[in-house]
């Protein structure tokens, strides 16, 4: 019961508090967002995909593994928040990290499904 309470009550409050720290519109920098997204996608998809390929999986299944492992979320937002509060990153990079976490989480399942679709 305690775990459910903490998860359902405090976790949303934590993420709302992170969202209130930064003005996303004013600190949105398309160049930084695109750079972070490209590095995130290439790093995870290539790393996991190459590992799966070396493990004997087909190219299609290797890409599915790469995109499946590409999802990021709470941990990246928490680490980004800690780095931001410690002054290690600026507003623009913090916004880019949050957008990256959201985009990779949203696109992971559809892209994985695309590579696992037997019709392809």
PDB file of N, CA and C in Angstrom:
ATOM      1  N   UNK A   1       0.835  -1.193   0.000  1.00  0.00           N
ATOM      2  CA  UNK A   1       0.000   0.000   0.000  1.00  0.00           C
ATOM      3  C   UNK A   1       0.874   1.249   0.000  1.00  0.00           C
ATOM      4  N   UNK A   2       1.962   1.226   0.756  1.00  0.00           N
ATOM      5  CA  UNK A   2       2.847   2.386   0.828  1.00  0.00           C
ATOM      6  C   UNK A   2       3.459   2.684  -0.542  1.00  0.00           C
ATOM      7  N   UNK A   3       3.872   1.633  -1.252  1.00  0.00           N
ATOM      8  CA  UNK A   3       4.473   1.812  -2.571  1.00  0.00           C
ATOM      9  C   UNK A   3       3.477   2.470  -3.527  1.00  0.00           C
ATOM     10  N   UNK A   4       2.231   2.013  -3.508  1.00  0.00           N
ATOM     11  CA  UNK A   4       1.208   2.594  -4.370  1.00  0.00           C
ATOM     12  C   UNK A   4       0.972   4.060  -4.026  1.00  0.00           C
ATOM     13  N   UNK A   5       0.939   4.371  -2.755  1.00  0.00           N
ATOM     14  CA  UNK A   5       0.726   5.755  -2.336  1.00  0.00           C
ATOM     15  C   UNK A   5       1.855   6.647  -2.832  1.00  0.00           C
ATOM     16  N   UNK A   6       3.080   6.215  -2.609  1.00  0.00           N
ATOM     17  CA  UNK A   6       4.234   7.011  -3.033  1.00  0.00           C
ATOM     18  C   UNK A   6       4.233   7.170  -4.545  1.00  0.00           C
ATOM     19  N   UNK A   7       4.022   6.074  -5.264  1.00  0.00           N
ATOM     20  CA  UNK A   7       4.040   6.113  -6.723  1.00  0.00           C
ATOM     21  C   UNK A   7       2.924   6.985  -7.281  1.00  0.00           C
ATOM     22  N   UNK A   8       1.737   6.847  -6.746  1.00  0.00           N
ATOM     23  CA  UNK A   8       0.588   7.563  -7.295  1.00  0.00           C
ATOM     24  C   UNK A   8       0.441   8.989  -6.789  1.00  0.00           C
ATOM     25  N   UNK A   9       1.073   9.324  -5.692  1.00  0.00           N
ATOM     26  CA  UNK A   9       0.918  10.669  -5.141  1.00  0.00           C
ATOM     27  C   UNK A   9       2.176  11.509  -5.317  1.00  0.00           C
ATOM     28  N   UNK A  10       3.303  11.008  -4.848  1.00  0.00           N
ATOM     29  CA  UNK A  10       4.516  11.818  -4.851  1.00  0.00           C
ATOM     30  C   UNK A  10       5.209  11.885  -6.209  1.00  0.00           C
ATOM     31  N   UNK A  11       5.206  10.800  -6.967  1.00  0.00           N
ATOM     32  CA  UNK A  11       5.881  10.818  -8.268  1.00  0.00           C
ATOM     33  C   UNK A  11       5.296  11.885  -9.198  1.00  0.00           C
ATOM     34  N   UNK A  12       3.976  11.963  -9.360  1.00  0.00           N
ATOM     35  CA  UNK A  12       3.441  13.034 -10.209  1.00  0.00           C
ATOM     36  C   UNK A  12       3.789  14.434  -9.686  1.00  0.00           C
ATOM     37  N   UNK A  13       3.780  14.608  -8.374  1.00  0.00           N
ATOM     38  CA  UNK A  13       4.156  15.910  -7.813  1.00  0.00           C
ATOM     39  C   UNK A  13       5.603  16.256  -8.143  1.00  0.00           C
ATOM     40  N   UNK A  14       6.477  15.269  -8.090  1.00  0.00           N
ATOM     41  CA  UNK A  14       7.881  15.492  -8.417  1.00  0.00           C
ATOM     42  C   UNK A  14       8.030  15.951  -9.865  1.00  0.00           C
ATOM     43  N   UNK A  15       7.356  15.277 -10.792  1.00  0.00           N
ATOM     44  CA  UNK A  15       7.492  15.646 -12.199  1.00  0.00           C
ATOM     45  C   UNK A  15       6.830  16.984 -12.507  1.00  0.00           C
ATOM     46  N   UNK A  16       5.758  17.302 -11.823  1.00  0.00           N
ATOM     47  CA  UNK A  16       5.152  18.631 -11.978  1.00  0.00           C
ATOM     48  C   UNK A  16       6.117  19.695 -11.480  1.00  0.00           C
ATOM     49  N   UNK A  17       6.776  19.444 -10.367  1.00  0.00           N
ATOM     50  CA  UNK A  17       7.729  20.431  -9.838  1.00  0.00           C
ATOM     51  C   UNK A  17       8.892  20.637 -10.800  1.00  0.00           C
ATOM     52  N   UNK A  18       9.322  19.585 -11.473  1.00  0.00           N
ATOM     53  CA  UNK A  18      10.377  19.732 -12.478  1.00  0.00           C
ATOM     54  C   UNK A  18       9.879  20.593 -13.633  1.00  0.00           C
ATOM     55  N   UNK A  19       8.661  20.341 -14.069  1.00  0.00           N
ATOM     56  CA  UNK A  19       8.091  21.118 -15.165  1.00  0.00           C
ATOM     57  C   UNK A  19       7.926  22.586 -14.837  1.00  0.00           C
ATOM     58  N   UNK A  20       7.745  22.898 -13.569  1.00  0.00           N
ATOM     59  CA  UNK A  20       7.573  24.293 -13.162  1.00  0.00           C
ATOM     60  C   UNK A  20       8.897  25.042 -13.015  1.00  0.00           C
ATOM     61  N   UNK A  21      10.020  24.338 -13.055  1.00  0.00           N
ATOM     62  CA  UNK A  21      11.324  24.974 -12.864  1.00  0.00           C
ATOM     63  C   UNK A  21      11.777  25.803 -14.060  1.00  0.00           C
ATOM     64  N   UNK A  22      11.351  25.421 -15.248  1.00  0.00           N
ATOM     65  CA  UNK A  22      11.904  26.016 -16.460  1.00  0.00           C
ATOM     66  C   UNK A  22      10.789  26.460 -17.392  1.00  0.00           C
ATOM     67  N   UNK A  23      11.003  27.579 -18.053  1.00  0.00           N
ATOM     68  CA  UNK A  23      10.090  28.048 -19.090  1.00  0.00           C
ATOM     69  C   UNK A  23      10.468  27.324 -20.385  1.00  0.00           C
ATOM     70  N   UNK A  24       9.677  26.331 -20.755  1.00  0.00           N
ATOM     71  CA  UNK A  24      10.014  25.504 -21.911  1.00  0.00           C
ATOM     72  C   UNK A  24       9.957  26.278 -23.222  1.00  0.00           C
ATOM     73  N   UNK A  25       9.056  27.215 -23.343  1.00  0.00           N
ATOM     74  CA  UNK A  25       8.935  27.971 -24.587  1.00  0.00           C
ATOM     75  C   UNK A  25      10.135  28.891 -24.770  1.00  0.00           C
ATOM     76  N   UNK A  26      10.476  29.625 -23.759  1.00  0.00           N
ATOM     77  CA  UNK A  26      11.581  30.575 -23.863  1.00  0.00           C
ATOM     78  C   UNK A  26      12.933  29.872 -23.971  1.00  0.00           C
ATOM     79  N   UNK A  27      13.095  28.722 -23.360  1.00  0.00           N
ATOM     80  CA  UNK A  27      14.383  28.028 -23.348  1.00  0.00           C
ATOM     81  C   UNK A  27      14.493  26.920 -24.385  1.00  0.00           C
ATOM     82  N   UNK A  28      13.536  26.846 -25.298  1.00  0.00           N
ATOM     83  CA  UNK A  28      13.587  25.843 -26.359  1.00  0.00           C
ATOM     84  C   UNK A  28      14.591  26.285 -27.413  1.00  0.00           C
ATOM     85  N   UNK A  29      15.592  25.450 -27.669  1.00  0.00           N
ATOM     86  CA  UNK A  29      16.599  25.718 -28.696  1.00  0.00           C
ATOM     87  C   UNK A  29      16.584  24.524 -29.644  1.00  0.00           C
ATOM     88  N   UNK A  30      16.064  24.734 -30.850  1.00  0.00           N
ATOM     89  CA  UNK A  30      15.882  23.640 -31.799  1.00  0.00           C
ATOM     90  C   UNK A  30      17.190  22.910 -32.089  1.00  0.00           C
ATOM     91  N   UNK A  31      18.278  23.641 -32.221  1.00  0.00           N
ATOM     92  CA  UNK A  31      19.569  23.016 -32.505  1.00  0.00           C
ATOM     93  C   UNK A  31      19.998  22.061 -31.408  1.00  0.00           C
ATOM     94  N   UNK A  32      19.871  22.496 -30.165  1.00  0.00           N
ATOM     95  CA  UNK A  32      20.260  21.640 -29.034  1.00  0.00           C
ATOM     96  C   UNK A  32      19.322  20.444 -28.925  1.00  0.00           C
ATOM     97  N   UNK A  33      18.030  20.674 -29.110  1.00  0.00           N
ATOM     98  CA  UNK A  33      17.058  19.576 -29.035  1.00  0.00           C
ATOM     99  C   UNK A  33      17.364  18.527 -30.103  1.00  0.00           C
ATOM    100  N   UNK A  34      17.608  18.976 -31.337  1.00  0.00           N
ATOM    101  CA  UNK A  34      17.906  18.029 -32.413  1.00  0.00           C
ATOM    102  C   UNK A  34      19.207  17.275 -32.150  1.00  0.00           C
ATOM    103  N   UNK A  35      20.221  17.978 -31.661  1.00  0.00           N
ATOM    104  CA  UNK A  35      21.497  17.330 -31.349  1.00  0.00           C
ATOM    105  C   UNK A  35      21.314  16.248 -30.281  1.00  0.00           C
ATOM    106  N   UNK A  36      20.602  16.585 -29.219  1.00  0.00           N
ATOM    107  CA  UNK A  36      20.372  15.620 -28.138  1.00  0.00           C
ATOM    108  C   UNK A  36      19.549  14.433 -28.650  1.00  0.00           C
ATOM    109  N   UNK A  37      18.523  14.703 -29.462  1.00  0.00           N
ATOM    110  CA  UNK A  37      17.704  13.615 -30.004  1.00  0.00           C
ATOM    111  C   UNK A  37      18.517  12.692 -30.908  1.00  0.00           C
ATOM    112  N   UNK A  38      19.312  13.278 -31.797  1.00  0.00           N
ATOM    113  CA  UNK A  38      20.121  12.462 -32.712  1.00  0.00           C
ATOM    114  C   UNK A  38      21.120  11.617 -31.930  1.00  0.00           C
ATOM    115  N   UNK A  39      21.820  12.243 -30.982  1.00  0.00           N
ATOM    116  CA  UNK A  39      22.793  11.490 -30.182  1.00  0.00           C
ATOM    117  C   UNK A  39      22.116  10.374 -29.386  1.00  0.00           C
ATOM    118  N   UNK A  40      20.944  10.669 -28.832  1.00  0.00           N
ATOM    119  CA  UNK A  40      20.229   9.668 -28.036  1.00  0.00           C
ATOM    120  C   UNK A  40      19.785   8.497 -28.908  1.00  0.00           C
ATOM    121  N   UNK A  41      19.171   8.808 -30.055  1.00  0.00           N
ATOM    122  CA  UNK A  41      18.692   7.748 -30.935  1.00  0.00           C
ATOM    123  C   UNK A  41      19.851   6.931 -31.498  1.00  0.00           C
ATOM    124  N   UNK A  42      20.850   7.598 -32.045  1.00  0.00           N
ATOM    125  CA  UNK A  42      21.967   6.884 -32.669  1.00  0.00           C
ATOM    126  C   UNK A  42      22.720   6.055 -31.634  1.00  0.00           C
ATOM    127  N   UNK A  43      22.992   6.649 -30.493  1.00  0.00           N
ATOM    128  CA  UNK A  43      23.742   5.926 -29.470  1.00  0.00           C
ATOM    129  C   UNK A  43      23.055   4.666 -29.000  1.00  0.00           C
ATOM    130  N   UNK A  44      21.791   4.767 -28.660  1.00  0.00           N
ATOM    131  CA  UNK A  44      21.084   3.606 -28.103  1.00  0.00           C
ATOM    132  C   UNK A  44      20.713   2.599 -29.183  1.00  0.00           C
ATOM    133  N   UNK A  45      20.180   3.081 -30.310  1.00  0.00           N
ATOM    134  CA  UNK A  45      19.748   2.160 -31.361  1.00  0.00           C
ATOM    135  C   UNK A  45      20.954   1.451 -31.971  1.00  0.00           C
ATOM    136  N   UNK A  46      22.016   2.198 -32.250  1.00  0.00           N
ATOM    137  CA  UNK A  46      23.207   1.572 -32.831  1.00  0.00           C
ATOM    138  C   UNK A  46      23.856   0.622 -31.825  1.00  0.00           C
ATOM    139  N   UNK A  47      24.017   1.068 -30.599  1.00  0.00           N
ATOM    140  CA  UNK A  47      24.656   0.223 -29.591  1.00  0.00           C
ATOM    141  C   UNK A  47      23.895  -1.064 -29.340  1.00  0.00           C
ATOM    142  N   UNK A  48      22.612  -0.947 -29.100  1.00  0.00           N
ATOM    143  CA  UNK A  48      21.800  -2.139 -28.826  1.00  0.00           C
ATOM    144  C   UNK A  48      21.613  -2.967 -30.093  1.00  0.00           C
ATOM    145  N   UNK A  49      21.434  -2.282 -31.221  1.00  0.00           N
ATOM    146  CA  UNK A  49      21.242  -2.992 -32.489  1.00  0.00           C
ATOM    147  C   UNK A  49      22.473  -3.782 -32.892  1.00  0.00           C
ATOM    148  N   UNK A  50      23.652  -3.185 -32.739  1.00  0.00           N
ATOM    149  CA  UNK A  50      24.894  -3.891 -33.076  1.00  0.00           C
ATOM    150  C   UNK A  50      25.095  -5.079 -32.137  1.00  0.00           C
ATOM    151  N   UNK A  51      24.813  -4.867 -30.867  1.00  0.00           N
ATOM    152  CA  UNK A  51      24.926  -5.974 -29.912  1.00  0.00           C
ATOM    153  C   UNK A  51      23.991  -7.120 -30.254  1.00  0.00           C
ATOM    154  N   UNK A  52      22.764  -6.795 -30.630  1.00  0.00           N
ATOM    155  CA  UNK A  52      21.799  -7.831 -31.001  1.00  0.00           C
ATOM    156  C   UNK A  52      22.234  -8.528 -32.288  1.00  0.00           C
ATOM    157  N   UNK A  53      22.771  -7.758 -33.211  1.00  0.00           N
ATOM    158  CA  UNK A  53      23.243  -8.332 -34.487  1.00  0.00           C
ATOM    159  C   UNK A  53      24.413  -9.282 -34.235  1.00  0.00           C
ATOM    160  N   UNK A  54      25.347  -8.855 -33.395  1.00  0.00           N
ATOM    161  CA  UNK A  54      26.482  -9.723 -33.054  1.00  0.00           C
ATOM    162  C   UNK A  54      26.022 -10.968 -32.303  1.00  0.00           C
ATOM    163  N   UNK A  55      24.888 -10.856 -31.637  1.00  0.00           N
ATOM    164  CA  UNK A  55      24.320 -11.994 -30.923  1.00  0.00           C
ATOM    165  C   UNK A  55      23.562 -12.953 -31.825  1.00  0.00           C
ATOM    166  N   UNK A  56      23.520 -12.658 -33.118  1.00  0.00           N
ATOM    167  CA  UNK A  56      22.910 -13.571 -34.073  1.00  0.00           C
ATOM    168  C   UNK A  56      21.512 -13.206 -34.528  1.00  0.00           C
ATOM    169  N   UNK A  57      20.996 -12.077 -34.122  1.00  0.00           N
ATOM    170  CA  UNK A  57      19.651 -11.687 -34.550  1.00  0.00           C
ATOM    171  C   UNK A  57      19.691 -11.123 -35.973  1.00  0.00           C
ATOM    172  N   UNK A  58      18.549 -11.202 -36.644  1.00  0.00           N
ATOM    173  CA  UNK A  58      18.444 -10.615 -37.980  1.00  0.00           C
ATOM    174  C   UNK A  58      18.509  -9.096 -37.868  1.00  0.00           C
ATOM    175  N   UNK A  59      18.746  -8.438 -38.996  1.00  0.00           N
ATOM    176  CA  UNK A  59      18.822  -6.975 -39.001  1.00  0.00           C
ATOM    177  C   UNK A  59      17.507  -6.367 -38.510  1.00  0.00           C
ATOM    178  N   UNK A  60      16.407  -6.918 -38.966  1.00  0.00           N
ATOM    179  CA  UNK A  60      15.091  -6.404 -38.578  1.00  0.00           C
ATOM    180  C   UNK A  60      14.867  -6.546 -37.076  1.00  0.00           C
ATOM    181  N   UNK A  61      15.181  -7.698 -36.528  1.00  0.00           N
ATOM    182  CA  UNK A  61      15.014  -7.907 -35.089  1.00  0.00           C
ATOM    183  C   UNK A  61      16.028  -7.094 -34.285  1.00  0.00           C
ATOM    184  N   UNK A  62      17.220  -6.914 -34.821  1.00  0.00           N
ATOM    185  CA  UNK A  62      18.229  -6.089 -34.146  1.00  0.00           C
ATOM    186  C   UNK A  62      17.764  -4.643 -34.032  1.00  0.00           C
ATOM    187  N   UNK A  63      17.154  -4.132 -35.094  1.00  0.00           N
ATOM    188  CA  UNK A  63      16.626  -2.766 -35.048  1.00  0.00           C
ATOM    189  C   UNK A  63      15.475  -2.673 -34.046  1.00  0.00           C
ATOM    190  N   UNK A  64      14.648  -3.702 -33.991  1.00  0.00           N
ATOM    191  CA  UNK A  64      13.547  -3.717 -33.020  1.00  0.00           C
ATOM    192  C   UNK A  64      14.094  -3.683 -31.597  1.00  0.00           C
ATOM    193  N   UNK A  65      15.157  -4.433 -31.338  1.00  0.00           N
ATOM    194  CA  UNK A  65      15.788  -4.412 -30.014  1.00  0.00           C
ATOM    195  C   UNK A  65      16.325  -3.015 -29.724  1.00  0.00           C
ATOM    196  N   UNK A  66      16.997  -2.419 -30.706  1.00  0.00           N
ATOM    197  CA  UNK A  66      17.548  -1.073 -30.528  1.00  0.00           C
ATOM    198  C   UNK A  66      16.479  -0.052 -30.190  1.00  0.00           C
ATOM    199  N   UNK A  67      15.389  -0.059 -30.947  1.00  0.00           N
ATOM    200  CA  UNK A  67      14.318   0.899 -30.670  1.00  0.00           C
ATOM    201  C   UNK A  67      13.571   0.555 -29.386  1.00  0.00           C
ATOM    202  N   UNK A  68      13.474  -0.728 -29.070  1.00  0.00           N
ATOM    203  CA  UNK A  68      12.823  -1.126 -27.820  1.00  0.00           C
ATOM    204  C   UNK A  68      13.578  -0.634 -26.599  1.00  0.00           C
ATOM    205  N   UNK A  69      14.898  -0.638 -26.687  1.00  0.00           N
ATOM    206  CA  UNK A  69      15.722  -0.171 -25.568  1.00  0.00           C
ATOM    207  C   UNK A  69      15.952   1.334 -25.604  1.00  0.00           C
ATOM    208  N   UNK A  70      15.458   1.994 -26.640  1.00  0.00           N
ATOM    209  CA  UNK A  70      15.680   3.430 -26.798  1.00  0.00           C
ATOM    210  C   UNK A  70      14.831   4.273 -25.852  1.00  0.00           C
ATOM    211  N   UNK A  71      13.760   3.717 -25.337  1.00  0.00           N
ATOM    212  CA  UNK A  71      12.866   4.494 -24.472  1.00  0.00           C
ATOM    213  C   UNK A  71      13.599   4.982 -23.229  1.00  0.00           C
ATOM    214  N   UNK A  72      13.400   6.226 -22.953  1.00  0.00           N
ATOM    215  CA  UNK A  72      13.967   6.824 -21.745  1.00  0.00           C
ATOM    216  C   UNK A  72      12.812   7.477 -21.003  1.00  0.00           C
ATOM    217  N   UNK A  73      13.042   7.840 -19.784  1.00  0.00           N
ATOM    218  CA  UNK A  73      11.931   8.435 -19.065  1.00  0.00           C
ATOM    219  C   UNK A  73      12.340   9.031 -17.753  1.00  0.00           C
ATOM    220  N   UNK A  74      11.812   8.467 -16.692  1.00  0.00           N
ATOM    221  CA  UNK A  74      11.960   9.050 -15.361  1.00  0.00           C
ATOM    222  C   UNK A  74      13.414   9.229 -14.952  1.00  0.00           C
ATOM    223  N   UNK A  75      14.242   8.231 -15.179  1.00  0.00           N
ATOM    224  CA  UNK A  75      15.632   8.322 -14.720  1.00  0.00           C
ATOM    225  C   UNK A  75      16.374   9.465 -15.412  1.00  0.00           C
ATOM    226  N   UNK A  76      16.160   9.631 -16.714  1.00  0.00           N
ATOM    227  CA  UNK A  76      16.834  10.707 -17.435  1.00  0.00           C
ATOM    228  C   UNK A  76      16.346  12.074 -16.964  1.00  0.00           C
ATOM    229  N   UNK A  77      15.052  12.178 -16.696  1.00  0.00           N
ATOM    230  CA  UNK A  77      14.512  13.448 -16.206  1.00  0.00           C
ATOM    231  C   UNK A  77      15.062  13.746 -14.812  1.00  0.00           C
ATOM    232  N   UNK A  78      15.151  12.741 -13.970  1.00  0.00           N
ATOM    233  CA  UNK A  78      15.697  12.939 -12.622  1.00  0.00           C
ATOM    234  C   UNK A  78      17.163  13.346 -12.694  1.00  0.00           C
ATOM    235  N   UNK A  79      17.956  12.645 -13.499  1.00  0.00           N
ATOM    236  CA  UNK A  79      19.377  12.991 -13.631  1.00  0.00           C
ATOM    237  C   UNK A  79      19.558  14.370 -14.254  1.00  0.00           C
ATOM    238  N   UNK A  80      18.727  14.696 -15.240  1.00  0.00           N
ATOM    239  CA  UNK A  80      18.778  16.030 -15.837  1.00  0.00           C
ATOM    240  C   UNK A  80      18.450  17.101 -14.815  1.00  0.00           C
ATOM    241  N   UNK A  81      17.476  16.834 -13.972  1.00  0.00           N
ATOM    242  CA  UNK A  81      17.104  17.782 -12.922  1.00  0.00           C
ATOM    243  C   UNK A  81      18.246  17.986 -11.934  1.00  0.00           C
ATOM    244  N   UNK A  82      18.897  16.896 -11.551  1.00  0.00           N
ATOM    245  CA  UNK A  82      20.032  17.007 -10.630  1.00  0.00           C
ATOM    246  C   UNK A  82      21.178  17.795 -11.263  1.00  0.00           C
ATOM    247  N   UNK A  83      21.461  17.525 -12.533  1.00  0.00           N
ATOM    248  CA  UNK A  83      22.531  18.249 -13.230  1.00  0.00           C
ATOM    249  C   UNK A  83      22.182  19.726 -13.367  1.00  0.00           C
ATOM    250  N   UNK A  84      20.919  20.018 -13.641  1.00  0.00           N
ATOM    251  CA  UNK A  84      20.467  21.402 -13.771  1.00  0.00           C
ATOM    252  C   UNK A  84      20.600  22.137 -12.436  1.00  0.00           C
ATOM    253  N   UNK A  85      20.147  21.504 -11.359  1.00  0.00           N
ATOM    254  CA  UNK A  85      20.223  22.129 -10.032  1.00  0.00           C
ATOM    255  C   UNK A  85      21.667  22.324  -9.572  1.00  0.00           C
ATOM    256  N   UNK A  86      22.565  21.442 -10.016  1.00  0.00           N
ATOM    257  CA  UNK A  86      23.979  21.555  -9.644  1.00  0.00           C
ATOM    258  C   UNK A  86      24.730  22.545 -10.534  1.00  0.00           C
ATOM    259  N   UNK A  87      24.043  23.095 -11.532  1.00  0.00           N
ATOM    260  CA  UNK A  87      24.674  24.053 -12.430  1.00  0.00           C
ATOM    261  C   UNK A  87      25.546  23.415 -13.500  1.00  0.00           C
ATOM    262  N   UNK A  88      25.403  22.116 -13.715  1.00  0.00           N
ATOM    263  CA  UNK A  88      26.206  21.423 -14.720  1.00  0.00           C
ATOM    264  C   UNK A  88      25.678  21.621 -16.133  1.00  0.00           C
ATOM    265  N   UNK A  89      24.381  21.878 -16.256  1.00  0.00           N
ATOM    266  CA  UNK A  89      23.776  22.144 -17.563  1.00  0.00           C
ATOM    267  C   UNK A  89      22.914  23.391 -17.449  1.00  0.00           C
ATOM    268  N   UNK A  90      22.679  24.038 -18.594  1.00  0.00           N
ATOM    269  CA  UNK A  90      21.861  25.252 -18.592  1.00  0.00           C
ATOM    270  C   UNK A  90      20.397  24.927 -18.898  1.00  0.00           C
ATOM    271  N   UNK A  91      19.581  25.973 -18.949  1.00  0.00           N
ATOM    272  CA  UNK A  91      18.141  25.812 -19.192  1.00  0.00           C
ATOM    273  C   UNK A  91      17.869  25.093 -20.511  1.00  0.00           C
ATOM    274  N   UNK A  92      18.588  25.489 -21.566  1.00  0.00           N
ATOM    275  CA  UNK A  92      18.332  24.927 -22.892  1.00  0.00           C
ATOM    276  C   UNK A  92      18.638  23.429 -22.941  1.00  0.00           C
ATOM    277  N   UNK A  93      19.719  23.011 -22.333  1.00  0.00           N
ATOM    278  CA  UNK A  93      20.070  21.586 -22.327  1.00  0.00           C
ATOM    279  C   UNK A  93      19.067  20.805 -21.475  1.00  0.00           C
ATOM    280  N   UNK A  94      18.632  21.380 -20.373  1.00  0.00           N
ATOM    281  CA  UNK A  94      17.642  20.724 -19.519  1.00  0.00           C
ATOM    282  C   UNK A  94      16.340  20.503 -20.284  1.00  0.00           C
ATOM    283  N   UNK A  95      15.890  21.518 -21.001  1.00  0.00           N
ATOM    284  CA  UNK A  95      14.677  21.389 -21.812  1.00  0.00           C
ATOM    285  C   UNK A  95      14.881  20.312 -22.875  1.00  0.00           C
ATOM    286  N   UNK A  96      16.047  20.302 -23.520  1.00  0.00           N
ATOM    287  CA  UNK A  96      16.334  19.301 -24.551  1.00  0.00           C
ATOM    288  C   UNK A  96      16.314  17.884 -23.969  1.00  0.00           C
ATOM    289  N   UNK A  97      16.838  17.705 -22.762  1.00  0.00           N
ATOM    290  CA  UNK A  97      16.834  16.380 -22.130  1.00  0.00           C
ATOM    291  C   UNK A  97      15.413  15.909 -21.821  1.00  0.00           C
ATOM    292  N   UNK A  98      14.577  16.823 -21.374  1.00  0.00           N
ATOM    293  CA  UNK A  98      13.191  16.447 -21.081  1.00  0.00           C
ATOM    294  C   UNK A  98      12.453  16.090 -22.366  1.00  0.00           C
ATOM    295  N   UNK A  99      12.667  16.882 -23.418  1.00  0.00           N
ATOM    296  CA  UNK A  99      12.034  16.581 -24.706  1.00  0.00           C
ATOM    297  C   UNK A  99      12.534  15.242 -25.237  1.00  0.00           C
ATOM    298  N   UNK A 100      13.834  14.983 -25.104  1.00  0.00           N
ATOM    299  CA  UNK A 100      14.401  13.704 -25.547  1.00  0.00           C
ATOM    300  C   UNK A 100      13.760  12.539 -24.800  1.00  0.00           C
ATOM    301  N   UNK A 101      13.590  12.676 -23.496  1.00  0.00           N
ATOM    302  CA  UNK A 101      12.969  11.605 -22.713  1.00  0.00           C
ATOM    303  C   UNK A 101      11.537  11.356 -23.179  1.00  0.00           C
ATOM    304  N   UNK A 102      10.806  12.420 -23.451  1.00  0.00           N
ATOM    305  CA  UNK A 102       9.426  12.272 -23.911  1.00  0.00           C
ATOM    306  C   UNK A 102       9.361  11.661 -25.308  1.00  0.00           C
ATOM    307  N   UNK A 103      10.173  12.174 -26.235  1.00  0.00           N
ATOM    308  CA  UNK A 103      10.138  11.688 -27.620  1.00  0.00           C
ATOM    309  C   UNK A 103      10.563  10.223 -27.699  1.00  0.00           C
ATOM    310  N   UNK A 104      11.628   9.856 -27.004  1.00  0.00           N
ATOM    311  CA  UNK A 104      12.070   8.456 -27.073  1.00  0.00           C
ATOM    312  C   UNK A 104      11.051   7.521 -26.427  1.00  0.00           C
ATOM    313  N   UNK A 105      10.400   7.971 -25.377  1.00  0.00           N
ATOM    314  CA  UNK A 105       9.374   7.139 -24.737  1.00  0.00           C
ATOM    315  C   UNK A 105       8.161   6.958 -25.636  1.00  0.00           C
ATOM    316  N   UNK A 106       7.771   8.030 -26.322  1.00  0.00           N
ATOM    317  CA  UNK A 106       6.583   7.981 -27.185  1.00  0.00           C
ATOM    318  C   UNK A 106       6.841   7.172 -28.451  1.00  0.00           C
ATOM    319  N   UNK A 107       8.038   7.284 -29.021  1.00  0.00           N
ATOM    320  CA  UNK A 107       8.316   6.647 -30.313  1.00  0.00           C
ATOM    321  C   UNK A 107       8.853   5.226 -30.208  1.00  0.00           C
ATOM    322  N   UNK A 108       9.272   4.803 -29.048  1.00  0.00           N
ATOM    323  CA  UNK A 108       9.911   3.493 -28.906  1.00  0.00           C
ATOM    324  C   UNK A 108       9.005   2.341 -29.343  1.00  0.00           C
ATOM    325  N   UNK A 109       7.821   2.254 -28.812  1.00  0.00           N
ATOM    326  CA  UNK A 109       6.923   1.135 -29.137  1.00  0.00           C
ATOM    327  C   UNK A 109       6.497   1.131 -30.605  1.00  0.00           C
ATOM    328  N   UNK A 110       6.068   2.269 -31.182  1.00  0.00           N
ATOM    329  CA  UNK A 110       5.693   2.232 -32.604  1.00  0.00           C
ATOM    330  C   UNK A 110       6.854   1.844 -33.525  1.00  0.00           C
ATOM    331  N   UNK A 111       8.064   2.339 -33.231  1.00  0.00           N
ATOM    332  CA  UNK A 111       9.204   1.993 -34.078  1.00  0.00           C
ATOM    333  C   UNK A 111       9.588   0.525 -33.906  1.00  0.00           C
ATOM    334  N   UNK A 112       9.501   0.019 -32.700  1.00  0.00           N
ATOM    335  CA  UNK A 112       9.786  -1.395 -32.471  1.00  0.00           C
ATOM    336  C   UNK A 112       8.756  -2.252 -33.208  1.00  0.00           C
ATOM    337  N   UNK A 113       7.503  -1.860 -33.128  1.00  0.00           N
ATOM    338  CA  UNK A 113       6.432  -2.592 -33.811  1.00  0.00           C
ATOM    339  C   UNK A 113       6.647  -2.573 -35.323  1.00  0.00           C
ATOM    340  N   UNK A 114       7.128  -1.440 -35.849  1.00  0.00           N
ATOM    341  CA  UNK A 114       7.393  -1.315 -37.281  1.00  0.00           C
ATOM    342  C   UNK A 114       8.394  -2.377 -37.745  1.00  0.00           C
ATOM    343  N   UNK A 115       9.448  -2.585 -36.975  1.00  0.00           N
ATOM    344  CA  UNK A 115      10.462  -3.564 -37.359  1.00  0.00           C
ATOM    345  C   UNK A 115      10.045  -5.005 -37.061  1.00  0.00           C
ATOM    346  N   UNK A 116       9.072  -5.190 -36.209  1.00  0.00           N
ATOM    347  CA  UNK A 116       8.598  -6.541 -35.913  1.00  0.00           C
ATOM    348  C   UNK A 116       7.398  -6.945 -36.764  1.00  0.00           C
ATOM    349  N   UNK A 117       6.859  -6.002 -37.539  1.00  0.00           N
ATOM    350  CA  UNK A 117       5.707  -6.278 -38.392  1.00  0.00           C
ATOM    351  C   UNK A 117       6.097  -7.324 -39.436  1.00  0.00           C
ATOM    352  N   UNK A 118       5.394  -8.430 -39.471  1.00  0.00           N
ATOM    353  CA  UNK A 118       5.729  -9.529 -40.385  1.00  0.00           C
ATOM    354  C   UNK A 118       5.442  -9.179 -41.844  1.00  0.00           C
ATOM    355  N   UNK A 119       4.658  -8.142 -42.091  1.00  0.00           N
ATOM    356  CA  UNK A 119       4.325  -7.743 -43.462  1.00  0.00           C
ATOM    357  C   UNK A 119       5.495  -7.066 -44.159  1.00  0.00           C
ATOM    358  N   UNK A 120       6.453  -6.589 -43.381  1.00  0.00           N
ATOM    359  CA  UNK A 120       7.608  -5.890 -43.968  1.00  0.00           C
ATOM    360  C   UNK A 120       8.539  -6.849 -44.630  1.00  0.00           C
TER     361      UNK A 120
END
